[in-house]
Amino acid sequence: HSPRPGHTKVPPILLLLLLLLSHAEEWGPLKTSGAPVGPIGGVLYPFGPGVGDEATHHEDDGTSPEIFLQENFSFFGHVHRSLYVNNNGVVSFGMMVPEFTPQPFPLPGHRPFVAPYWADVDTRLGGNVFYRQSRDPQLLARLAQDLAPAVSPGDPPPQPTWAFVATWDHVAYFGAASDKVNT
């Protein structure tokens, strides 16, 4: 997919990095400045039904239905037109990865995914896994601002036209015997 005249194509890995950071309360290695927006607690981007998010079912080892993307997504040289948001903390391409497998990456078999949360999540015990696609101008403006520090000097600033946001909110872990949750 070629960028429109006057628009810079943001490298997919930068969008993916933003997806990875979207559940974090701190900016990590990018050292991005600026106050996060969203609900109380320092969440990077707003989430939940109030901003149009869908949620996975409350279950152990659950996943979203296949989500057809508004724009093609290139990931390590392969173009993807859909993805799945899995309760156990991975966003996968081409197939679900609902089970938690406590093994080092890469997992056996060809399962392309990003692991922004990777944990043994059980939403029957609490929490939600939210997701949405967006072309909201305010979100895209914030995204462009947040991606700017990752662009090489001299390159044009990013002008994203689409975003995918996934949030693991106050989710419980499998076998939890307490009220400990994580976002």
N, C-alpha and C. Protein backbone atom coordinates (compact mmCIF):
# COMPACT_ATOMS: atom_id res chain seq x y z
N HIS A 1 0.86 -1.16 0.00
CA HIS A 1 0.00 0.00 0.00
C HIS A 1 0.90 1.22 0.00
N SER A 2 0.78 2.06 -0.97
CA SER A 2 1.61 3.26 -1.09
C SER A 2 0.95 4.42 -0.37
N PRO A 3 1.80 5.29 0.24
CA PRO A 3 1.21 6.45 0.92
C PRO A 3 0.61 7.41 -0.08
N ARG A 4 -0.42 8.12 0.35
CA ARG A 4 -1.03 9.15 -0.48
C ARG A 4 -0.06 10.30 -0.60
N PRO A 5 -0.15 11.09 -1.68
CA PRO A 5 0.71 12.26 -1.80
C PRO A 5 0.57 13.14 -0.56
N GLY A 6 1.73 13.57 -0.04
CA GLY A 6 1.73 14.42 1.14
C GLY A 6 1.66 13.64 2.45
N HIS A 7 1.57 12.31 2.38
CA HIS A 7 1.54 11.48 3.59
C HIS A 7 2.75 10.58 3.60
N THR A 8 3.36 10.44 4.74
CA THR A 8 4.49 9.55 4.92
C THR A 8 3.98 8.21 5.41
N LYS A 9 4.51 7.17 4.83
CA LYS A 9 4.13 5.84 5.30
C LYS A 9 4.96 5.54 6.54
N VAL A 10 4.30 5.27 7.66
CA VAL A 10 4.99 4.94 8.89
C VAL A 10 5.39 3.48 8.81
N PRO A 11 6.66 3.18 9.06
CA PRO A 11 7.07 1.77 9.03
C PRO A 11 6.22 0.96 9.99
N PRO A 12 5.72 -0.21 9.55
CA PRO A 12 4.84 -1.02 10.39
C PRO A 12 5.46 -1.36 11.73
N ILE A 13 6.77 -1.53 11.79
CA ILE A 13 7.37 -1.89 13.06
C ILE A 13 7.18 -0.78 14.09
N LEU A 14 7.12 0.49 13.65
CA LEU A 14 6.85 1.58 14.59
C LEU A 14 5.42 1.50 15.11
N LEU A 15 4.48 1.19 14.23
CA LEU A 15 3.10 1.03 14.68
C LEU A 15 2.99 -0.15 15.64
N LEU A 16 3.74 -1.20 15.35
CA LEU A 16 3.75 -2.36 16.20
C LEU A 16 4.35 -2.02 17.56
N LEU A 17 5.41 -1.23 17.56
CA LEU A 17 6.01 -0.81 18.81
C LEU A 17 5.02 -0.02 19.64
N LEU A 18 4.26 0.83 18.99
CA LEU A 18 3.26 1.60 19.70
C LEU A 18 2.19 0.67 20.28
N LEU A 19 1.82 -0.35 19.53
CA LEU A 19 0.87 -1.33 20.04
C LEU A 19 1.44 -1.97 21.30
N LEU A 20 2.72 -2.30 21.26
CA LEU A 20 3.34 -2.92 22.42
C LEU A 20 3.32 -1.99 23.63
N LEU A 21 3.49 -0.72 23.40
CA LEU A 21 3.52 0.23 24.50
C LEU A 21 2.14 0.66 24.95
N SER A 22 1.12 0.34 24.19
CA SER A 22 -0.20 0.90 24.50
C SER A 22 -0.77 0.39 25.81
N HIS A 23 -0.23 -0.70 26.36
CA HIS A 23 -0.72 -1.17 27.64
C HIS A 23 0.17 -0.74 28.79
N ALA A 24 1.30 -0.09 28.49
CA ALA A 24 2.26 0.28 29.53
C ALA A 24 1.94 1.63 30.14
N GLU A 25 2.40 1.84 31.36
CA GLU A 25 2.23 3.12 32.01
C GLU A 25 3.46 3.99 31.84
N GLU A 26 4.58 3.43 31.39
CA GLU A 26 5.78 4.19 31.15
C GLU A 26 6.22 3.97 29.73
N TRP A 27 7.03 4.88 29.25
CA TRP A 27 7.43 4.86 27.85
C TRP A 27 8.62 3.98 27.55
N GLY A 28 9.31 3.47 28.50
CA GLY A 28 10.41 2.56 28.25
C GLY A 28 11.51 3.18 27.42
N PRO A 29 12.10 2.41 26.48
CA PRO A 29 13.31 2.84 25.79
C PRO A 29 13.13 4.06 24.89
N LEU A 30 11.92 4.38 24.49
CA LEU A 30 11.75 5.53 23.60
C LEU A 30 11.90 6.85 24.34
N LYS A 31 11.74 6.82 25.66
CA LYS A 31 11.85 8.03 26.48
C LYS A 31 10.97 9.15 25.94
N THR A 32 9.79 8.78 25.45
CA THR A 32 8.86 9.75 24.88
C THR A 32 8.37 10.69 25.97
N SER A 33 8.32 11.97 25.65
CA SER A 33 7.86 12.95 26.63
C SER A 33 6.39 13.25 26.39
N GLY A 34 5.78 13.91 27.34
CA GLY A 34 4.37 14.27 27.22
C GLY A 34 3.53 13.42 28.14
N ALA A 35 2.49 14.01 28.63
CA ALA A 35 1.61 13.30 29.55
C ALA A 35 0.71 12.34 28.79
N PRO A 36 0.59 11.09 29.27
CA PRO A 36 -0.33 10.16 28.62
C PRO A 36 -1.76 10.66 28.75
N VAL A 37 -2.60 10.23 27.81
CA VAL A 37 -4.00 10.58 27.85
C VAL A 37 -4.78 9.33 28.23
N GLY A 38 -6.00 9.51 28.66
CA GLY A 38 -6.84 8.36 28.93
C GLY A 38 -7.30 8.32 30.36
N PRO A 39 -7.83 7.18 30.76
CA PRO A 39 -8.35 7.03 32.11
C PRO A 39 -7.26 7.22 33.16
N ILE A 40 -7.68 7.44 34.39
CA ILE A 40 -6.75 7.60 35.49
C ILE A 40 -5.85 6.38 35.57
N GLY A 41 -4.60 6.59 35.85
CA GLY A 41 -3.67 5.48 35.96
C GLY A 41 -2.56 5.57 34.93
N GLY A 42 -2.49 6.63 34.16
CA GLY A 42 -1.40 6.81 33.22
C GLY A 42 -1.49 5.95 31.97
N VAL A 43 -2.65 5.54 31.57
CA VAL A 43 -2.79 4.70 30.39
C VAL A 43 -2.48 5.53 29.15
N LEU A 44 -1.76 4.95 28.23
CA LEU A 44 -1.29 5.65 27.05
C LEU A 44 -2.43 6.19 26.20
N TYR A 45 -3.37 5.37 25.84
CA TYR A 45 -4.49 5.78 25.00
C TYR A 45 -5.80 5.39 25.68
N PRO A 46 -6.86 6.18 25.45
CA PRO A 46 -8.16 5.81 26.03
C PRO A 46 -8.61 4.43 25.55
N PHE A 47 -9.36 3.73 26.41
CA PHE A 47 -9.85 2.41 26.03
C PHE A 47 -11.19 2.16 26.69
N GLY A 48 -11.86 1.13 26.23
CA GLY A 48 -13.13 0.70 26.81
C GLY A 48 -14.30 1.02 25.91
N PRO A 49 -15.49 0.60 26.32
CA PRO A 49 -16.69 0.81 25.50
C PRO A 49 -16.95 2.27 25.16
N GLY A 50 -16.56 3.18 26.05
CA GLY A 50 -16.79 4.60 25.81
C GLY A 50 -16.07 5.16 24.60
N VAL A 51 -15.02 4.49 24.14
CA VAL A 51 -14.30 4.94 22.94
C VAL A 51 -14.49 3.96 21.78
N GLY A 52 -15.46 3.05 21.92
CA GLY A 52 -15.79 2.15 20.82
C GLY A 52 -15.06 0.82 20.81
N ASP A 53 -14.40 0.47 21.91
CA ASP A 53 -13.68 -0.81 21.96
C ASP A 53 -14.63 -1.99 21.99
N GLU A 54 -14.18 -3.07 21.41
CA GLU A 54 -14.79 -4.39 21.58
C GLU A 54 -14.00 -5.08 22.69
N ALA A 55 -14.53 -6.17 23.23
CA ALA A 55 -13.82 -6.93 24.25
C ALA A 55 -13.89 -8.42 23.92
N THR A 56 -12.85 -9.14 24.30
CA THR A 56 -12.90 -10.59 24.15
C THR A 56 -13.85 -11.15 25.20
N HIS A 57 -14.25 -12.41 25.02
CA HIS A 57 -15.12 -13.06 26.00
C HIS A 57 -14.34 -13.31 27.29
N HIS A 58 -15.07 -13.32 28.40
CA HIS A 58 -14.45 -13.64 29.69
C HIS A 58 -14.26 -15.14 29.76
N GLU A 59 -13.02 -15.57 29.54
CA GLU A 59 -12.70 -16.99 29.57
C GLU A 59 -11.19 -17.17 29.71
N ASP A 60 -10.80 -18.38 30.04
CA ASP A 60 -9.39 -18.72 30.05
C ASP A 60 -9.01 -19.07 28.61
N ASP A 61 -7.85 -18.63 28.19
CA ASP A 61 -7.35 -18.94 26.85
C ASP A 61 -8.31 -18.50 25.75
N GLY A 62 -8.89 -17.34 25.88
CA GLY A 62 -9.83 -16.82 24.89
C GLY A 62 -9.15 -16.00 23.81
N THR A 63 -9.94 -15.62 22.84
CA THR A 63 -9.44 -14.82 21.73
C THR A 63 -10.60 -14.05 21.10
N SER A 64 -10.25 -13.01 20.39
CA SER A 64 -11.26 -12.27 19.63
C SER A 64 -11.63 -13.08 18.40
N PRO A 65 -12.72 -12.71 17.75
CA PRO A 65 -12.95 -13.28 16.41
C PRO A 65 -11.88 -12.70 15.48
N GLU A 66 -11.79 -13.22 14.28
CA GLU A 66 -10.86 -12.64 13.30
C GLU A 66 -11.27 -11.20 13.04
N ILE A 67 -10.30 -10.29 13.11
CA ILE A 67 -10.56 -8.86 12.92
C ILE A 67 -9.98 -8.48 11.57
N PHE A 68 -10.85 -8.10 10.64
CA PHE A 68 -10.39 -7.69 9.31
C PHE A 68 -9.96 -6.23 9.39
N LEU A 69 -8.74 -5.98 8.95
CA LEU A 69 -8.13 -4.67 9.12
C LEU A 69 -8.59 -3.67 8.07
N GLN A 70 -8.69 -2.42 8.47
CA GLN A 70 -9.07 -1.34 7.57
C GLN A 70 -7.94 -1.02 6.60
N GLU A 71 -6.72 -1.36 6.96
CA GLU A 71 -5.56 -1.20 6.09
C GLU A 71 -4.70 -2.45 6.21
N ASN A 72 -4.05 -2.83 5.13
CA ASN A 72 -3.14 -3.96 5.18
C ASN A 72 -1.99 -3.64 6.12
N PHE A 73 -1.49 -4.68 6.80
CA PHE A 73 -0.42 -4.51 7.76
C PHE A 73 0.74 -5.41 7.37
N SER A 74 1.88 -4.81 7.11
CA SER A 74 3.07 -5.56 6.74
C SER A 74 3.88 -5.84 7.99
N PHE A 75 4.16 -7.11 8.22
CA PHE A 75 4.90 -7.55 9.41
C PHE A 75 5.98 -8.51 8.97
N PHE A 76 7.24 -8.07 9.09
CA PHE A 76 8.40 -8.85 8.66
C PHE A 76 8.24 -9.37 7.24
N GLY A 77 7.84 -8.48 6.34
CA GLY A 77 7.77 -8.81 4.92
C GLY A 77 6.52 -9.53 4.47
N HIS A 78 5.62 -9.83 5.37
CA HIS A 78 4.36 -10.50 5.01
C HIS A 78 3.21 -9.53 5.24
N VAL A 79 2.34 -9.43 4.24
CA VAL A 79 1.18 -8.54 4.35
C VAL A 79 0.04 -9.30 5.00
N HIS A 80 -0.55 -8.68 6.03
CA HIS A 80 -1.67 -9.30 6.74
C HIS A 80 -2.90 -8.40 6.59
N ARG A 81 -4.04 -9.06 6.42
CA ARG A 81 -5.30 -8.34 6.26
C ARG A 81 -6.22 -8.53 7.45
N SER A 82 -5.77 -9.34 8.41
CA SER A 82 -6.57 -9.59 9.61
C SER A 82 -5.64 -9.97 10.75
N LEU A 83 -6.22 -9.95 11.95
CA LEU A 83 -5.46 -10.36 13.13
C LEU A 83 -6.42 -10.84 14.20
N TYR A 84 -5.86 -11.38 15.28
CA TYR A 84 -6.62 -11.82 16.45
C TYR A 84 -5.99 -11.20 17.68
N VAL A 85 -6.81 -10.79 18.63
CA VAL A 85 -6.33 -10.33 19.93
C VAL A 85 -6.62 -11.47 20.89
N ASN A 86 -5.57 -12.05 21.43
CA ASN A 86 -5.68 -13.23 22.29
C ASN A 86 -5.58 -12.83 23.76
N ASN A 87 -6.43 -13.42 24.61
CA ASN A 87 -6.46 -13.06 26.02
C ASN A 87 -5.10 -13.18 26.70
N ASN A 88 -4.28 -14.13 26.27
CA ASN A 88 -3.00 -14.37 26.93
C ASN A 88 -1.90 -13.42 26.49
N GLY A 89 -2.29 -12.33 25.86
CA GLY A 89 -1.33 -11.25 25.64
C GLY A 89 -0.64 -11.21 24.31
N VAL A 90 -1.15 -11.90 23.31
CA VAL A 90 -0.54 -11.80 21.99
C VAL A 90 -1.55 -11.30 20.97
N VAL A 91 -1.04 -10.55 20.00
CA VAL A 91 -1.79 -10.16 18.82
C VAL A 91 -1.20 -11.00 17.70
N SER A 92 -2.02 -11.87 17.13
CA SER A 92 -1.51 -12.84 16.16
C SER A 92 -2.08 -12.60 14.77
N PHE A 93 -1.32 -13.03 13.79
CA PHE A 93 -1.69 -12.86 12.38
C PHE A 93 -1.90 -14.23 11.76
N GLY A 94 -3.05 -14.40 11.08
CA GLY A 94 -3.31 -15.63 10.34
C GLY A 94 -3.92 -16.76 11.15
N MET A 95 -3.70 -16.78 12.45
CA MET A 95 -4.26 -17.84 13.29
C MET A 95 -4.34 -17.36 14.73
N MET A 96 -5.24 -17.98 15.47
CA MET A 96 -5.37 -17.68 16.89
C MET A 96 -4.18 -18.28 17.64
N VAL A 97 -3.81 -17.66 18.73
CA VAL A 97 -2.82 -18.23 19.66
C VAL A 97 -3.41 -18.07 21.06
N PRO A 98 -4.51 -18.79 21.32
CA PRO A 98 -5.22 -18.55 22.57
C PRO A 98 -4.54 -19.14 23.80
N GLU A 99 -3.75 -20.21 23.64
CA GLU A 99 -3.17 -20.87 24.81
C GLU A 99 -1.90 -20.16 25.27
N PHE A 100 -1.66 -20.22 26.56
CA PHE A 100 -0.41 -19.70 27.11
C PHE A 100 0.59 -20.85 27.13
N THR A 101 1.73 -20.66 26.50
CA THR A 101 2.76 -21.68 26.42
C THR A 101 4.02 -21.11 27.05
N PRO A 102 4.35 -21.49 28.28
CA PRO A 102 5.52 -20.90 28.95
C PRO A 102 6.83 -21.45 28.40
N GLN A 103 7.12 -21.11 27.16
CA GLN A 103 8.35 -21.50 26.49
C GLN A 103 9.00 -20.26 25.92
N PRO A 104 10.31 -20.32 25.71
CA PRO A 104 10.97 -19.15 25.09
C PRO A 104 10.53 -18.99 23.65
N PHE A 105 10.60 -17.75 23.17
CA PHE A 105 10.25 -17.46 21.78
C PHE A 105 11.42 -17.82 20.89
N PRO A 106 11.19 -18.18 19.64
CA PRO A 106 9.88 -18.35 19.01
C PRO A 106 9.24 -19.67 19.42
N LEU A 107 7.93 -19.67 19.47
CA LEU A 107 7.20 -20.89 19.79
C LEU A 107 7.25 -21.84 18.60
N PRO A 108 7.07 -23.13 18.85
CA PRO A 108 7.09 -24.09 17.72
C PRO A 108 5.98 -23.79 16.70
N GLY A 109 6.28 -24.07 15.45
CA GLY A 109 5.30 -23.84 14.39
C GLY A 109 5.38 -22.41 13.90
N HIS A 110 4.80 -22.18 12.75
CA HIS A 110 4.81 -20.84 12.16
C HIS A 110 3.60 -20.07 12.67
N ARG A 111 3.79 -19.31 13.74
CA ARG A 111 2.70 -18.54 14.33
C ARG A 111 3.18 -17.10 14.49
N PRO A 112 2.98 -16.27 13.46
CA PRO A 112 3.44 -14.88 13.58
C PRO A 112 2.59 -14.10 14.56
N PHE A 113 3.25 -13.52 15.56
CA PHE A 113 2.52 -12.71 16.53
C PHE A 113 3.45 -11.75 17.23
N VAL A 114 2.82 -10.79 17.90
CA VAL A 114 3.50 -9.84 18.76
C VAL A 114 2.99 -10.12 20.16
N ALA A 115 3.88 -10.08 21.14
CA ALA A 115 3.50 -10.40 22.52
C ALA A 115 3.62 -9.16 23.41
N PRO A 116 2.65 -8.25 23.35
CA PRO A 116 2.74 -7.06 24.19
C PRO A 116 2.45 -7.32 25.67
N TYR A 117 1.83 -8.45 26.01
CA TYR A 117 1.45 -8.71 27.40
C TYR A 117 1.91 -10.09 27.88
N TRP A 118 1.93 -11.08 27.10
CA TRP A 118 2.33 -12.49 27.31
C TRP A 118 2.29 -12.94 28.76
N ALA A 119 1.13 -13.44 29.16
CA ALA A 119 0.93 -13.96 30.51
C ALA A 119 -0.23 -14.95 30.47
N ASP A 120 -0.37 -15.73 31.50
CA ASP A 120 -1.45 -16.71 31.58
C ASP A 120 -2.69 -16.03 32.14
N VAL A 121 -3.39 -15.32 31.27
CA VAL A 121 -4.54 -14.50 31.66
C VAL A 121 -5.82 -15.34 31.70
N ASP A 122 -6.63 -15.07 32.70
CA ASP A 122 -7.94 -15.72 32.81
C ASP A 122 -8.96 -14.63 33.14
N THR A 123 -9.65 -14.14 32.14
CA THR A 123 -10.59 -13.03 32.37
C THR A 123 -11.89 -13.49 33.03
N ARG A 124 -12.07 -14.80 33.24
CA ARG A 124 -13.23 -15.25 34.03
C ARG A 124 -13.09 -14.75 35.46
N LEU A 125 -11.84 -14.51 35.88
CA LEU A 125 -11.55 -14.10 37.25
C LEU A 125 -11.45 -12.58 37.40
N GLY A 126 -11.53 -11.86 36.27
CA GLY A 126 -11.50 -10.41 36.35
C GLY A 126 -10.80 -9.77 35.17
N GLY A 127 -11.19 -8.54 34.89
CA GLY A 127 -10.55 -7.75 33.85
C GLY A 127 -11.16 -7.92 32.48
N ASN A 128 -10.62 -7.14 31.55
CA ASN A 128 -11.09 -7.16 30.16
C ASN A 128 -9.92 -7.01 29.21
N VAL A 129 -10.08 -7.59 28.04
CA VAL A 129 -9.13 -7.38 26.95
C VAL A 129 -9.91 -6.62 25.87
N PHE A 130 -9.52 -5.35 25.66
CA PHE A 130 -10.19 -4.47 24.73
C PHE A 130 -9.37 -4.30 23.45
N TYR A 131 -10.06 -3.98 22.35
CA TYR A 131 -9.36 -3.72 21.09
C TYR A 131 -10.24 -2.89 20.17
N ARG A 132 -9.56 -2.16 19.27
CA ARG A 132 -10.28 -1.39 18.25
C ARG A 132 -9.31 -0.93 17.19
N GLN A 133 -9.88 -0.65 16.03
CA GLN A 133 -9.18 0.06 14.96
C GLN A 133 -9.69 1.49 15.00
N SER A 134 -8.86 2.42 14.57
CA SER A 134 -9.30 3.80 14.63
C SER A 134 -8.67 4.64 13.53
N ARG A 135 -9.47 5.56 13.05
CA ARG A 135 -8.99 6.63 12.17
C ARG A 135 -9.34 7.98 12.78
N ASP A 136 -9.57 7.99 14.10
CA ASP A 136 -9.90 9.21 14.81
C ASP A 136 -8.76 10.21 14.69
N PRO A 137 -9.03 11.43 14.20
CA PRO A 137 -7.96 12.41 14.00
C PRO A 137 -7.18 12.74 15.27
N GLN A 138 -7.84 12.80 16.43
CA GLN A 138 -7.13 13.09 17.67
C GLN A 138 -6.18 11.97 18.05
N LEU A 139 -6.63 10.74 17.92
CA LEU A 139 -5.77 9.59 18.21
C LEU A 139 -4.59 9.56 17.25
N LEU A 140 -4.85 9.79 15.96
CA LEU A 140 -3.77 9.75 14.97
C LEU A 140 -2.77 10.88 15.19
N ALA A 141 -3.26 12.05 15.62
CA ALA A 141 -2.35 13.17 15.92
C ALA A 141 -1.45 12.80 17.09
N ARG A 142 -2.03 12.20 18.12
CA ARG A 142 -1.23 11.77 19.27
C ARG A 142 -0.25 10.68 18.87
N LEU A 143 -0.70 9.77 18.04
CA LEU A 143 0.16 8.70 17.54
C LEU A 143 1.35 9.28 16.78
N ALA A 144 1.09 10.24 15.92
CA ALA A 144 2.17 10.88 15.16
C ALA A 144 3.17 11.54 16.11
N GLN A 145 2.67 12.21 17.13
CA GLN A 145 3.53 12.86 18.12
C GLN A 145 4.37 11.83 18.86
N ASP A 146 3.75 10.72 19.24
CA ASP A 146 4.44 9.70 20.01
C ASP A 146 5.47 8.94 19.17
N LEU A 147 5.21 8.81 17.87
CA LEU A 147 6.14 8.11 16.98
C LEU A 147 7.31 8.98 16.53
N ALA A 148 7.14 10.29 16.57
CA ALA A 148 8.15 11.21 16.04
C ALA A 148 9.55 10.97 16.60
N PRO A 149 9.74 10.71 17.91
CA PRO A 149 11.09 10.49 18.42
C PRO A 149 11.78 9.24 17.85
N ALA A 150 11.02 8.31 17.31
CA ALA A 150 11.59 7.08 16.77
C ALA A 150 12.01 7.22 15.31
N VAL A 151 11.70 8.35 14.67
CA VAL A 151 12.03 8.57 13.27
C VAL A 151 13.45 9.10 13.17
N SER A 152 14.19 8.61 12.20
CA SER A 152 15.57 9.05 11.99
C SER A 152 15.61 10.53 11.65
N PRO A 153 16.63 11.24 12.14
CA PRO A 153 16.76 12.66 11.79
C PRO A 153 16.82 12.83 10.27
N GLY A 154 16.12 13.84 9.79
CA GLY A 154 16.08 14.09 8.36
C GLY A 154 14.91 13.43 7.65
N ASP A 155 14.36 12.38 8.25
CA ASP A 155 13.19 11.73 7.65
C ASP A 155 11.95 12.55 7.97
N PRO A 156 10.96 12.53 7.10
CA PRO A 156 9.73 13.30 7.39
C PRO A 156 9.02 12.73 8.62
N PRO A 157 8.30 13.56 9.34
CA PRO A 157 7.57 13.06 10.51
C PRO A 157 6.46 12.09 10.09
N PRO A 158 6.13 11.16 10.97
CA PRO A 158 5.07 10.20 10.64
C PRO A 158 3.72 10.89 10.54
N GLN A 159 2.90 10.40 9.62
CA GLN A 159 1.52 10.86 9.46
C GLN A 159 0.61 9.63 9.32
N PRO A 160 0.39 8.93 10.45
CA PRO A 160 -0.42 7.71 10.37
C PRO A 160 -1.84 7.99 9.92
N THR A 161 -2.41 7.02 9.22
CA THR A 161 -3.78 7.13 8.74
C THR A 161 -4.72 6.13 9.41
N TRP A 162 -4.14 5.27 10.25
CA TRP A 162 -4.90 4.19 10.88
C TRP A 162 -4.13 3.72 12.11
N ALA A 163 -4.84 3.26 13.12
CA ALA A 163 -4.20 2.70 14.32
C ALA A 163 -5.00 1.51 14.83
N PHE A 164 -4.30 0.60 15.47
CA PHE A 164 -4.94 -0.52 16.16
C PHE A 164 -4.50 -0.44 17.62
N VAL A 165 -5.49 -0.43 18.53
CA VAL A 165 -5.20 -0.30 19.95
C VAL A 165 -5.72 -1.55 20.67
N ALA A 166 -4.85 -2.19 21.46
CA ALA A 166 -5.25 -3.33 22.28
C ALA A 166 -4.83 -3.05 23.71
N THR A 167 -5.72 -3.34 24.65
CA THR A 167 -5.46 -3.05 26.06
C THR A 167 -5.88 -4.22 26.93
N TRP A 168 -4.98 -4.68 27.79
CA TRP A 168 -5.29 -5.69 28.78
C TRP A 168 -5.51 -4.93 30.07
N ASP A 169 -6.77 -4.80 30.50
CA ASP A 169 -7.13 -3.93 31.61
C ASP A 169 -7.50 -4.73 32.87
N HIS A 170 -6.71 -4.57 33.91
CA HIS A 170 -6.97 -5.21 35.20
C HIS A 170 -7.30 -6.70 35.06
N VAL A 171 -6.51 -7.39 34.25
CA VAL A 171 -6.77 -8.81 34.01
C VAL A 171 -6.18 -9.67 35.13
N ALA A 172 -6.88 -10.76 35.41
CA ALA A 172 -6.45 -11.73 36.42
C ALA A 172 -5.62 -12.82 35.75
N TYR A 173 -4.89 -13.56 36.57
CA TYR A 173 -4.07 -14.66 36.04
C TYR A 173 -4.73 -16.00 36.33
N PHE A 174 -4.39 -16.99 35.51
CA PHE A 174 -4.97 -18.33 35.66
C PHE A 174 -4.65 -18.86 37.05
N GLY A 175 -5.66 -19.41 37.71
CA GLY A 175 -5.49 -20.00 39.04
C GLY A 175 -5.38 -18.98 40.16
N ALA A 176 -5.72 -17.75 39.88
CA ALA A 176 -5.61 -16.69 40.89
C ALA A 176 -6.44 -17.03 42.12
N ALA A 177 -5.82 -16.87 43.28
CA ALA A 177 -6.53 -17.09 44.55
C ALA A 177 -6.57 -15.78 45.32
N SER A 178 -6.29 -14.67 44.62
CA SER A 178 -6.32 -13.37 45.26
C SER A 178 -6.95 -12.38 44.27
N ASP A 179 -6.98 -11.13 44.68
CA ASP A 179 -7.55 -10.10 43.81
C ASP A 179 -6.47 -9.37 43.03
N LYS A 180 -5.27 -9.92 42.91
CA LYS A 180 -4.18 -9.29 42.17
C LYS A 180 -4.49 -9.31 40.67
N VAL A 181 -4.39 -8.14 40.06
CA VAL A 181 -4.62 -8.01 38.63
C VAL A 181 -3.54 -7.10 38.05
N ASN A 182 -3.47 -7.02 36.73
CA ASN A 182 -2.47 -6.20 36.08
C ASN A 182 -3.05 -5.58 34.81
N THR A 183 -2.50 -4.42 34.45
CA THR A 183 -2.87 -3.74 33.21
C THR A 183 -1.63 -3.55 32.38
